[in-house]
Structures are given as structure tokens and as C-alpha cells.
């Protein structure tokens, strides 16, 4: 990368030539070149775009990014990428947003062609290359010209018109049915607020112990004899007892592999809301290994809780070994957390790197250890979903419920289903078993 031939020396009081070319300066001292180039304002603009996309980027991080670029240089695109990445990215869920924003903002030709292909109609007869995912909606909205839109709205002020909206869908209804993957930064914030207001109260189950009852129920002989001894045997007041009831433990196993990465962020907010709403909630995250994050999710501040989980878990957005993870859970944790009629929630897409090896045995053991097993799969959002994967075929025979989890509506239906007293095996599972 060489410096431009015609350098602007208006800002140089000495009248000397501008900074030397990059190829002649291995040290990459960029501060002398910021005045004659657009690198510094571009870094500032890039930081504002990341902040608009939902990342916590302030003036301090922008100054740190400038210092990092000064130290590393711009001769290598890879070094430039990772110098900005080290400053702006603090959590694993921010990596995808930063990656897309970087390649769009710093002019990746392949990605620009892909963006133009989205806007322009396809021409038949041309060979199609590799189909890549389009940029996320958060990045596209962060790079949209909001200032121009605001000016146009001020210039064109139309009179208010009252519209009868009885049969139309409200913004809240649209938010409920919107996929987590398609949400913008503002919609994600609204969805997180809605998730924090969810309340889960699973039906109570009877225990072996008894408690005192004031209603005519089962006679408590010990309490009756103690009461008769107080009166000298003249009166025998009958005492009654009933079985104690308590909400069963709730155990959550959540997949954090690369295929689940876009839903894990919102599901962690759901787990945090449940953990702080009721007692005896145990949460485990698994990809290639199993990690217990129950203690971290008990933090009242959701940002602190997610940061602790991010530091503890080492296999974010990697592969998936469902069978090995369930084997570790059944061996070390099942007897500790699956007592007293526990309810198990398994969140996974069922895509296993080991092709379902040993998964059926571990699922059968897990199903026999809990009172109810609910499987949440984001792939159910597709109408043409079929259980063809080996991992999915190994899990389906051993679950009591099979539900989608991709928007607020699916989470609300899950809460309502858990609050109802249902049978162990649902009728809808027969259709899925026949489709295998």
C-alpha cells in the first residue's frame, strides 16, 4: 500500500513533503499521516456505526482504536482487522456484528457485490456462486442515512389522518411474531424488556413430607396424641395433616454452538429472567463440553450475569457434541438436580457433530430421570421442517414436547404450557414419530 502521489501540504507549516509512503516506513507511525488522510474520521465513523448497531462503543474506545492502529499499522488488512477487533469486541456475541460491519464499511468487494445482488433482480443463465448470508438487519440500519431521513420528515410534514385500525396488527403483535434473527437493535432492546417481564410458575407436585392442615383430611396420630396428653385424656381433639407441595426443580440445557449463536443471546436473557423469578433453577450450556452457569445467572444485573457466563464458557460458537455433553450431565449432575419431579428443558437444533453417536442412550436415561422433558428447537420455524438428521431422530423418541423457540410468541407459549398441568407425553409427538 503506497502513499498517494499528490500529497496535500497545506497543513504542513514547514512546506516539506508529506509523510513517507507506507512501504518506506516499516514502523507505521500513523499520527503524522492522520492529518493528510481520512483514516482518523473513518475510524470515528466506524465506531459510531458499531454503537448504532448495539455495541457499547464510547469516545474512550475510539481513542484506544486510534492508538491501536498507530501501533500496528495498516500495511496488512489482517492486522488492521484484529487491532480494531481487540478494542471494540468484548464479548463473543459481538464478533458477528463487528465482522459484518468491518467488511461492509471498509469496502469488501465480495460483500458489496452480494449487497447489490440483494437489491437487483437475478439474471437467468448466469452461474451462481456460493450463497452467503446477507448482512444482519442491525448492521444495515446502522449504516442507513438516518440524518437524511430526519430532514425529509421535517421538510415533508403531512397532516395527521385518523385511521380505523381495529382489524390491523399492532407493533407489539408484530414484535411478538418477529424472528430473533431478523430484529433490529431497537427491537432487540424491546424484546429483552418483554422477556424480563415473563413469569414462570410450574405446577406444584406433592412431596413425601406432611404439614399441618386445618381442614378435615388425613388424621395425624402423633399430633392427636400430643393434644390429648395436654388435656389429660379428657378430650381427644383430632389433628389433621396433608402432603406438602412444592414447585419442582427446573433444569435447562442450552446449545451454544455456531448454528445456535444468533438465538443464544436472547435465550440467555430468558434464562436469567427465570432464574431470578423462582428458586431451584439450574442452567447448563454445552457445545463441545458442558458448563454449569447457574451461579452466574443468579446475578441481578443481566449484563454482569452474561459477562460472567462469557468469561467462564470456552466453547462459544463452535461445534456440537450433544451425546458427550449429555453423558457428562447424566454422570455428574443428574442425581443432584433432577430430584423431586424435575422438569427438563433442552434447547438445541439437534445438529450433532458426532452424527448422533451415543445420543439415544443418553436421551433415554435423561428422560427416565426427570418428570417431563421439553425440547425447544429453532428449526421448527420453517414450515417444511422434517426430522431427517441423525441427531434429531435420536432425540425425538425420548421427549414429551417438541416446540419452536425463535420469537417472543414461542417463549410466551412455552411459559403458558409449563404453567398448565399436562400429561407426560403430548399427543402431537405421535405425528413427529411417524414422520421419522
Protein backbone atom coordinates (compact mmCIF):
# COMPACT_ATOMS: atom_id res chain seq x y z
CA UNK A 1 0.00 0.00 0.00
CA UNK A 2 1.69 3.22 -1.16
CA UNK A 3 1.00 6.83 -0.33
CA UNK A 4 -0.75 8.99 -2.94
CA UNK A 5 1.43 10.78 -5.47
CA UNK A 6 -0.04 14.24 -4.92
CA UNK A 7 0.17 14.94 -1.21
CA UNK A 8 -1.58 17.87 0.36
CA UNK A 9 0.94 20.07 2.17
CA UNK A 10 -1.46 22.83 3.21
CA UNK A 11 -1.42 21.58 6.80
CA UNK A 12 2.35 21.34 6.91
CA UNK A 13 3.86 24.67 8.06
CA UNK A 14 7.36 23.72 7.01
CA UNK A 15 6.36 23.31 3.40
CA UNK A 16 8.01 19.91 3.26
CA UNK A 17 6.63 16.83 1.68
CA UNK A 18 4.02 14.83 3.46
CA UNK A 19 4.60 11.67 5.46
CA UNK A 20 6.64 8.99 3.73
CA UNK A 21 4.98 6.08 1.98
CA UNK A 22 3.92 3.03 3.98
CA UNK A 23 6.40 0.85 2.15
CA UNK A 24 9.23 3.10 3.30
CA UNK A 25 8.06 3.24 6.94
CA UNK A 26 8.00 -0.23 8.50
CA UNK A 27 7.24 1.28 11.92
CA UNK A 28 3.85 2.59 10.69
CA UNK A 29 3.80 5.81 12.66
CA UNK A 30 0.32 6.94 11.64
CA UNK A 31 -0.11 10.06 13.70
CA UNK A 32 1.86 12.06 11.14
CA UNK A 33 -0.40 10.81 8.38
CA UNK A 34 -3.79 11.27 10.04
CA UNK A 35 -3.93 14.94 9.09
CA UNK A 36 -3.49 14.27 5.39
CA UNK A 37 -5.73 11.21 5.20
CA UNK A 38 -9.25 10.19 6.08
CA UNK A 39 -8.26 7.32 8.32
CA UNK A 40 -8.98 9.08 11.60
CA UNK A 41 -12.52 10.28 10.69
CA UNK A 42 -13.25 6.86 9.17
CA UNK A 43 -12.32 5.13 12.44
CA UNK A 44 -14.57 7.56 14.32
CA UNK A 45 -17.42 6.92 11.88
CA UNK A 46 -16.89 3.17 12.15
CA UNK A 47 -17.15 3.42 15.94
CA UNK A 48 -20.44 5.32 15.66
CA UNK A 49 -21.80 2.63 13.34
CA UNK A 50 -20.95 -0.08 15.87
CA UNK A 51 -22.66 1.95 18.59
CA UNK A 52 -25.77 2.28 16.42
CA UNK A 53 -25.74 -1.48 15.91
CA UNK A 54 -26.00 -2.03 19.67
CA UNK A 55 -22.35 -2.40 20.73
CA UNK A 56 -21.09 -0.39 23.75
CA UNK A 57 -18.67 1.92 21.92
CA UNK A 58 -17.80 5.26 23.51
CA UNK A 59 -15.24 8.00 22.89
CA UNK A 60 -12.67 6.18 25.01
CA UNK A 61 -12.78 3.06 22.83
CA UNK A 62 -12.46 5.17 19.68
CA UNK A 63 -9.29 6.80 21.09
CA UNK A 64 -7.98 3.34 22.02
CA UNK A 65 -8.70 2.15 18.48
CA UNK A 66 -6.70 5.05 17.04
CA UNK A 67 -3.80 4.20 19.35
CA UNK A 68 -4.02 0.52 18.36
CA UNK A 69 -3.93 1.38 14.65
CA UNK A 70 -1.00 3.72 15.32
CA UNK A 71 0.93 0.87 16.94
CA UNK A 72 0.02 -1.90 14.45
CA UNK A 73 -0.28 -0.03 11.15
CA UNK A 74 -2.40 -0.53 8.06
CA UNK A 75 0.01 -2.35 5.76
CA UNK A 76 -1.80 -5.62 6.45
CA UNK A 77 -5.59 -5.84 6.30
CA UNK A 78 -5.50 -8.72 8.74
CA UNK A 79 -3.52 -6.75 11.33
CA UNK A 80 -5.82 -3.77 10.88
CA UNK A 81 -8.88 -6.00 11.39
CA UNK A 82 -7.63 -7.61 14.59
CA UNK A 83 -6.36 -4.33 16.07
CA UNK A 84 -9.87 -2.86 15.83
CA UNK A 85 -11.38 -6.18 16.95
CA UNK A 86 -9.28 -6.22 20.12
CA UNK A 87 -10.61 -2.79 21.10
CA UNK A 88 -14.27 -2.88 20.12
CA UNK A 89 -15.23 -6.54 20.80
CA UNK A 90 -15.57 -7.54 24.45
CA UNK A 91 -17.97 -10.49 24.20
CA UNK A 92 -18.32 -13.39 21.81
CA UNK A 93 -21.81 -12.41 20.69
CA UNK A 94 -20.37 -9.11 19.36
CA UNK A 95 -17.97 -10.82 16.96
CA UNK A 96 -20.50 -11.39 14.18
CA UNK A 97 -21.75 -7.78 14.30
CA UNK A 98 -18.20 -6.42 14.17
CA UNK A 99 -17.20 -8.77 11.34
CA UNK A 100 -20.10 -7.79 9.10
CA UNK A 101 -19.71 -4.08 9.86
CA UNK A 102 -15.97 -4.18 9.17
CA UNK A 103 -16.25 -5.87 5.79
CA UNK A 104 -19.07 -3.56 4.69
CA UNK A 105 -17.58 -0.31 5.95
CA UNK A 106 -14.01 -0.92 4.77
CA UNK A 107 -15.21 -1.90 1.31
CA UNK A 108 -15.04 -5.65 0.86
CA UNK A 109 -15.68 -6.13 -2.89
CA UNK A 110 -17.28 -9.56 -2.49
CA UNK A 111 -19.68 -8.35 0.16
CA UNK A 112 -20.57 -5.26 -1.85
CA UNK A 113 -21.42 -7.48 -4.82
CA UNK A 114 -23.55 -9.57 -2.51
CA UNK A 115 -25.39 -6.48 -1.24
CA UNK A 116 -26.00 -5.29 -4.80
CA UNK A 117 -27.28 -8.74 -5.68
CA UNK A 118 -29.92 -8.42 -2.97
CA UNK A 119 -31.19 -5.13 -4.39
CA UNK A 120 -31.01 -6.08 -8.11
CA UNK A 121 -33.04 -8.85 -9.80
CA UNK A 122 -31.31 -12.07 -10.72
CA UNK A 123 -30.36 -12.57 -14.37
CA UNK A 124 -31.18 -16.05 -15.62
CA UNK A 125 -28.47 -18.04 -17.32
CA UNK A 126 -25.59 -16.85 -15.12
CA UNK A 127 -23.77 -19.27 -12.91
CA UNK A 128 -24.49 -18.87 -9.25
CA UNK A 129 -21.55 -18.82 -6.87
CA UNK A 130 -21.57 -19.69 -3.22
CA UNK A 131 -24.65 -18.47 -1.45
CA UNK A 132 -23.67 -16.48 1.61
CA UNK A 133 -25.85 -15.00 4.28
CA UNK A 134 -26.84 -11.34 3.83
CA UNK A 135 -25.74 -8.77 6.40
CA UNK A 136 -27.82 -8.57 9.55
CA UNK A 137 -30.57 -6.01 9.84
CA UNK A 138 -28.80 -4.27 12.72
CA UNK A 139 -25.78 -3.50 10.51
CA UNK A 140 -27.89 -2.30 7.59
CA UNK A 141 -29.89 0.04 9.80
CA UNK A 142 -26.74 1.34 11.50
CA UNK A 143 -25.29 2.29 8.09
CA UNK A 144 -28.51 3.81 6.74
CA UNK A 145 -28.57 7.61 6.32
CA UNK A 146 -30.72 8.48 9.32
CA UNK A 147 -29.92 12.19 9.12
CA UNK A 148 -31.27 12.49 5.60
CA UNK A 149 -34.41 10.62 6.58
CA UNK A 150 -34.91 13.00 9.51
CA UNK A 151 -34.51 16.03 7.24
CA UNK A 152 -37.02 14.65 4.78
CA UNK A 153 -39.51 14.08 7.56
CA UNK A 154 -39.13 17.66 8.71
CA UNK A 155 -39.46 19.04 5.20
CA UNK A 156 -42.50 16.97 4.33
CA UNK A 157 -44.91 17.37 7.19
CA UNK A 158 -48.19 15.84 6.19
CA UNK A 159 -51.42 16.49 8.08
CA UNK A 160 -52.45 13.88 10.63
CA UNK A 161 -55.05 11.43 9.39
CA UNK A 162 -57.14 9.30 11.71
CA UNK A 163 -57.32 5.69 10.56
CA UNK A 164 -59.59 2.96 11.83
CA UNK A 165 -57.14 0.25 12.95
CA UNK A 166 -59.49 -2.21 14.57
CA UNK A 167 -58.56 -5.12 12.36
CA UNK A 168 -54.87 -4.23 11.87
CA UNK A 169 -51.91 -5.67 13.72
CA UNK A 170 -50.23 -3.50 16.34
CA UNK A 171 -46.50 -3.02 16.73
CA UNK A 172 -46.50 -5.26 19.78
CA UNK A 173 -48.08 -8.11 17.82
CA UNK A 174 -45.53 -7.74 15.05
CA UNK A 175 -42.74 -7.82 17.62
CA UNK A 176 -44.17 -10.98 19.15
CA UNK A 177 -44.08 -12.83 15.83
CA UNK A 178 -40.77 -11.45 14.56
CA UNK A 179 -37.82 -13.82 14.44
CA UNK A 180 -34.94 -13.00 16.78
CA UNK A 181 -32.56 -13.24 13.83
CA UNK A 182 -34.40 -10.50 11.89
CA UNK A 183 -34.69 -7.97 14.73
CA UNK A 184 -33.01 -4.59 14.69
CA UNK A 185 -31.14 -3.09 17.63
CA UNK A 186 -34.24 -1.25 18.92
CA UNK A 187 -36.43 -4.33 18.50
CA UNK A 188 -33.90 -6.46 20.37
CA UNK A 189 -33.98 -3.96 23.25
CA UNK A 190 -37.79 -4.12 23.33
CA UNK A 191 -37.69 -7.92 23.18
CA UNK A 192 -35.26 -8.07 26.11
CA UNK A 193 -37.60 -5.87 28.14
CA UNK A 194 -40.53 -8.17 27.30
CA UNK A 195 -38.53 -11.25 28.28
CA UNK A 196 -37.59 -9.70 31.64
CA UNK A 197 -41.31 -9.36 32.45
CA UNK A 198 -42.08 -13.05 31.86
CA UNK A 199 -43.09 -15.06 34.93
CA UNK A 200 -42.90 -18.83 35.15
CA UNK A 201 -44.72 -20.86 37.80
CA UNK A 202 -44.66 -24.58 37.14
CA UNK A 203 -47.44 -26.62 38.73
CA UNK A 204 -46.66 -27.86 42.22
CA UNK A 205 -46.01 -31.55 42.87
CA UNK A 206 -46.73 -33.41 46.15
CA UNK A 207 -43.80 -34.38 48.37
CA UNK A 208 -43.30 -37.25 50.81
CA UNK A 209 -43.37 -34.99 53.86
CA UNK A 210 -46.55 -33.74 55.51
CA UNK A 211 -47.64 -30.47 57.03
CA UNK A 212 -50.40 -29.45 59.42
CA UNK A 213 -53.83 -28.95 57.92
CA UNK A 214 -56.87 -27.14 59.33
CA UNK A 215 -59.28 -28.95 57.03
CA UNK A 216 -60.64 -32.44 57.58
CA UNK A 217 -58.15 -34.57 55.78
CA UNK A 218 -55.84 -37.36 56.89
CA UNK A 219 -55.64 -37.76 60.68
CA UNK A 220 -52.25 -37.02 62.20
CA UNK A 221 -51.99 -39.60 65.01
CA UNK A 222 -48.86 -38.16 66.63
CA UNK A 223 -50.27 -34.65 66.81
CA UNK A 224 -53.60 -36.03 68.06
CA UNK A 225 -51.95 -37.96 70.94
CA UNK A 226 -49.87 -34.95 71.95
CA UNK A 227 -53.02 -32.81 72.06
CA UNK A 228 -54.84 -35.45 74.15
CA UNK A 229 -51.98 -35.56 76.68
CA UNK A 230 -52.31 -31.81 77.24
CA UNK A 231 -55.93 -32.29 78.35
CA UNK A 232 -55.20 -35.39 80.48
CA UNK A 233 -57.14 -37.63 78.14
CA UNK A 234 -60.47 -35.99 78.86
CA UNK A 235 -60.69 -34.70 75.30
CA UNK A 236 -59.16 -36.08 72.16
CA UNK A 237 -59.04 -33.27 69.59
CA UNK A 238 -58.31 -34.69 66.18
CA UNK A 239 -55.39 -33.19 64.29
CA UNK A 240 -55.06 -33.40 60.52
CA UNK A 241 -52.23 -33.29 58.04
CA UNK A 242 -51.69 -33.06 54.30
CA UNK A 243 -48.85 -33.59 51.92
CA UNK A 244 -46.54 -30.70 51.24
CA UNK A 245 -46.45 -29.30 47.72
CA UNK A 246 -43.56 -27.53 46.08
CA UNK A 247 -42.65 -26.40 42.62
CA UNK A 248 -40.28 -28.94 41.08
CA UNK A 249 -36.74 -28.03 40.04
CA UNK A 250 -36.28 -26.61 36.55
CA UNK A 251 -33.18 -27.69 34.63
CA UNK A 252 -32.19 -26.02 31.34
CA UNK A 253 -29.67 -27.43 28.88
CA UNK A 254 -28.89 -24.87 26.17
CA UNK A 255 -26.87 -25.41 22.99
CA UNK A 256 -24.36 -22.60 22.30
CA UNK A 257 -22.82 -23.96 19.11
CA UNK A 258 -22.32 -21.92 15.96
CA UNK A 259 -25.68 -22.89 14.48
CA UNK A 260 -27.43 -21.61 17.62
CA UNK A 261 -25.35 -18.45 18.02
CA UNK A 262 -27.98 -15.98 16.80
CA UNK A 263 -30.56 -17.25 19.30
CA UNK A 264 -28.33 -17.87 22.30
CA UNK A 265 -28.15 -14.18 23.20
CA UNK A 266 -31.91 -13.82 23.60
CA UNK A 267 -32.30 -17.22 25.25
CA UNK A 268 -29.74 -16.28 27.90
CA UNK A 269 -31.91 -13.29 28.79
CA UNK A 270 -34.85 -15.69 29.13
CA UNK A 271 -32.83 -18.00 31.40
CA UNK A 272 -31.73 -15.04 33.52
CA UNK A 273 -35.33 -13.87 33.95
CA UNK A 274 -36.46 -17.35 35.03
CA UNK A 275 -33.52 -17.85 37.39
CA UNK A 276 -34.24 -14.60 39.23
CA UNK A 277 -38.00 -15.21 39.31
CA UNK A 278 -38.14 -18.57 41.13
CA UNK A 279 -35.92 -20.89 43.10
CA UNK A 280 -34.28 -24.19 42.15
CA UNK A 281 -33.40 -23.31 38.55
CA UNK A 282 -30.25 -24.94 37.17
CA UNK A 283 -28.77 -23.85 33.85
CA UNK A 284 -26.12 -25.64 31.78
CA UNK A 285 -24.53 -24.55 28.49
CA UNK A 286 -22.96 -27.03 26.11
CA UNK A 287 -21.19 -27.07 22.78
CA UNK A 288 -18.28 -29.45 22.78
CA UNK A 289 -18.31 -29.56 26.59
CA UNK A 290 -20.73 -28.97 29.48
CA UNK A 291 -20.58 -25.83 31.64
CA UNK A 292 -22.69 -25.04 34.72
CA UNK A 293 -23.62 -21.32 34.73
CA UNK A 294 -26.33 -21.42 37.41
CA UNK A 295 -24.39 -19.34 39.91
CA UNK A 296 -23.57 -16.65 37.35
CA UNK A 297 -27.15 -16.26 36.13
CA UNK A 298 -28.29 -15.51 39.68
CA UNK A 299 -26.72 -12.06 39.39
CA UNK A 300 -29.42 -9.40 39.48
CA UNK A 301 -27.82 -7.33 36.73
CA UNK A 302 -28.27 -9.12 33.42
CA UNK A 303 -25.17 -7.52 31.87
CA UNK A 304 -22.99 -8.70 34.75
CA UNK A 305 -24.51 -12.19 34.52
CA UNK A 306 -23.88 -12.50 30.79
CA UNK A 307 -20.35 -11.18 31.16
CA UNK A 308 -19.60 -13.82 33.79
CA UNK A 309 -21.01 -16.52 31.51
CA UNK A 310 -18.92 -15.21 28.64
CA UNK A 311 -15.74 -15.44 30.69
CA UNK A 312 -16.49 -18.92 32.00
CA UNK A 313 -17.63 -20.69 28.83
CA UNK A 314 -14.80 -21.56 26.42
CA UNK A 315 -16.64 -23.28 23.56
CA UNK A 316 -18.89 -20.49 22.23
CA UNK A 317 -19.96 -20.74 18.59
CA UNK A 318 -18.03 -23.93 18.00
CA UNK A 319 -19.06 -27.48 17.19
CA UNK A 320 -21.76 -29.54 18.90
CA UNK A 321 -21.30 -32.83 20.74
CA UNK A 322 -24.73 -33.42 22.21
CA UNK A 323 -24.12 -37.05 23.12
CA UNK A 324 -20.90 -36.37 25.04
CA UNK A 325 -22.43 -33.37 26.81
CA UNK A 326 -25.48 -35.35 27.92
CA UNK A 327 -23.24 -38.19 29.04
CA UNK A 328 -21.32 -35.81 31.29
CA UNK A 329 -24.57 -34.38 32.65
CA UNK A 330 -26.05 -37.81 33.40
CA UNK A 331 -22.86 -38.91 35.11
CA UNK A 332 -22.09 -35.90 37.31
CA UNK A 333 -25.23 -33.76 37.63
CA UNK A 334 -28.43 -35.75 37.11
CA UNK A 335 -28.67 -37.08 40.68
CA UNK A 336 -28.00 -33.61 42.10
CA UNK A 337 -30.55 -31.56 40.16
CA UNK A 338 -33.14 -33.99 38.75
CA UNK A 339 -34.82 -34.98 42.00
CA UNK A 340 -38.35 -34.24 43.25
CA UNK A 341 -40.05 -34.35 39.86
CA UNK A 342 -37.76 -32.01 37.97
CA UNK A 343 -38.74 -30.51 34.61
CA UNK A 344 -36.05 -30.58 31.93
CA UNK A 345 -35.86 -28.05 29.04
CA UNK A 346 -33.47 -28.96 26.21
CA UNK A 347 -32.69 -26.09 23.80
CA UNK A 348 -30.89 -27.30 20.69
CA UNK A 349 -31.29 -27.62 16.93
CA UNK A 350 -30.30 -31.30 17.11
CA UNK A 351 -27.37 -30.94 14.69
CA UNK A 352 -24.66 -33.13 16.18
CA UNK A 353 -21.04 -33.26 15.02
CA UNK A 354 -20.79 -36.90 16.11
CA UNK A 355 -23.78 -37.88 13.94
CA UNK A 356 -25.83 -38.94 16.96
CA UNK A 357 -23.31 -41.43 18.33
CA UNK A 358 -24.37 -42.49 21.83
CA UNK A 359 -27.10 -39.83 21.88
CA UNK A 360 -30.10 -42.17 22.01
CA UNK A 361 -28.80 -43.99 25.11
CA UNK A 362 -28.13 -40.75 26.97
CA UNK A 363 -31.50 -39.30 25.98
CA UNK A 364 -33.30 -42.38 27.25
CA UNK A 365 -31.52 -42.13 30.59
CA UNK A 366 -32.25 -38.41 30.79
CA UNK A 367 -35.94 -38.94 30.01
CA UNK A 368 -36.29 -41.54 32.76
CA UNK A 369 -34.61 -39.27 35.31
CA UNK A 370 -36.98 -36.31 35.00
CA UNK A 371 -40.74 -35.91 35.26
CA UNK A 372 -41.11 -34.01 32.00
CA UNK A 373 -38.74 -33.32 29.10
CA UNK A 374 -39.41 -30.40 26.73
CA UNK A 375 -37.34 -29.91 23.59
CA UNK A 376 -37.10 -26.39 22.08
CA UNK A 377 -35.79 -26.28 18.53
CA UNK A 378 -35.43 -23.06 16.45
CA UNK A 379 -35.57 -25.10 13.21
CA UNK A 380 -39.31 -25.56 13.75
CA UNK A 381 -39.81 -22.01 12.46
CA UNK A 382 -39.58 -23.45 8.93
CA UNK A 383 -42.83 -24.87 7.57
CA UNK A 384 -41.12 -27.68 5.67
CA UNK A 385 -39.08 -28.98 8.60
CA UNK A 386 -38.61 -32.75 8.65
CA UNK A 387 -36.71 -34.84 11.24
CA UNK A 388 -34.05 -36.16 8.88
CA UNK A 389 -30.89 -35.51 10.87
CA UNK A 390 -29.49 -38.42 12.88
CA UNK A 391 -29.27 -36.29 15.99
CA UNK A 392 -32.90 -35.21 15.72
CA UNK A 393 -34.06 -38.78 15.08
CA UNK A 394 -32.21 -39.93 18.20
CA UNK A 395 -33.73 -37.23 20.43
CA UNK A 396 -37.38 -37.26 19.30
CA UNK A 397 -38.47 -40.64 20.77
CA UNK A 398 -37.43 -39.53 24.27
CA UNK A 399 -39.08 -36.11 24.65
CA UNK A 400 -42.54 -35.23 25.93
CA UNK A 401 -42.96 -31.99 23.99
CA UNK A 402 -41.45 -30.58 20.83
CA UNK A 403 -41.75 -26.79 20.48
CA UNK A 404 -40.22 -23.97 18.40
CA UNK A 405 -38.14 -21.21 20.01
CA UNK A 406 -37.41 -18.33 17.65
CA UNK A 407 -39.55 -15.35 18.75
CA UNK A 408 -41.38 -13.85 21.71
CA UNK A 409 -44.59 -15.66 20.84
CA UNK A 410 -42.91 -19.06 21.13
CA UNK A 411 -41.45 -18.13 24.54
CA UNK A 412 -44.87 -16.94 25.73
CA UNK A 413 -46.47 -20.22 24.60
CA UNK A 414 -43.73 -22.13 26.43
CA UNK A 415 -44.45 -20.26 29.67
CA UNK A 416 -48.18 -20.93 29.32
CA UNK A 417 -47.55 -24.62 28.63
CA UNK A 418 -45.33 -25.03 31.66
CA UNK A 419 -47.87 -23.26 33.87
CA UNK A 420 -50.55 -25.79 32.87
CA UNK A 421 -50.77 -29.24 34.38
CA UNK A 422 -50.21 -31.51 31.41
CA UNK A 423 -49.62 -35.18 30.89
CA UNK A 424 -46.18 -36.62 30.35
CA UNK A 425 -46.39 -37.42 26.68
CA UNK A 426 -48.24 -34.99 24.41
CA UNK A 427 -50.48 -36.07 21.56
CA UNK A 428 -48.55 -34.04 18.99
CA UNK A 429 -45.45 -36.19 19.46
CA UNK A 430 -47.09 -39.09 17.63
CA UNK A 431 -47.08 -37.14 14.37
CA UNK A 432 -43.38 -36.40 14.67
CA UNK A 433 -42.57 -40.02 15.44
CA UNK A 434 -44.49 -41.14 12.37
CA UNK A 435 -42.58 -38.66 10.20
CA UNK A 436 -39.22 -40.20 11.15
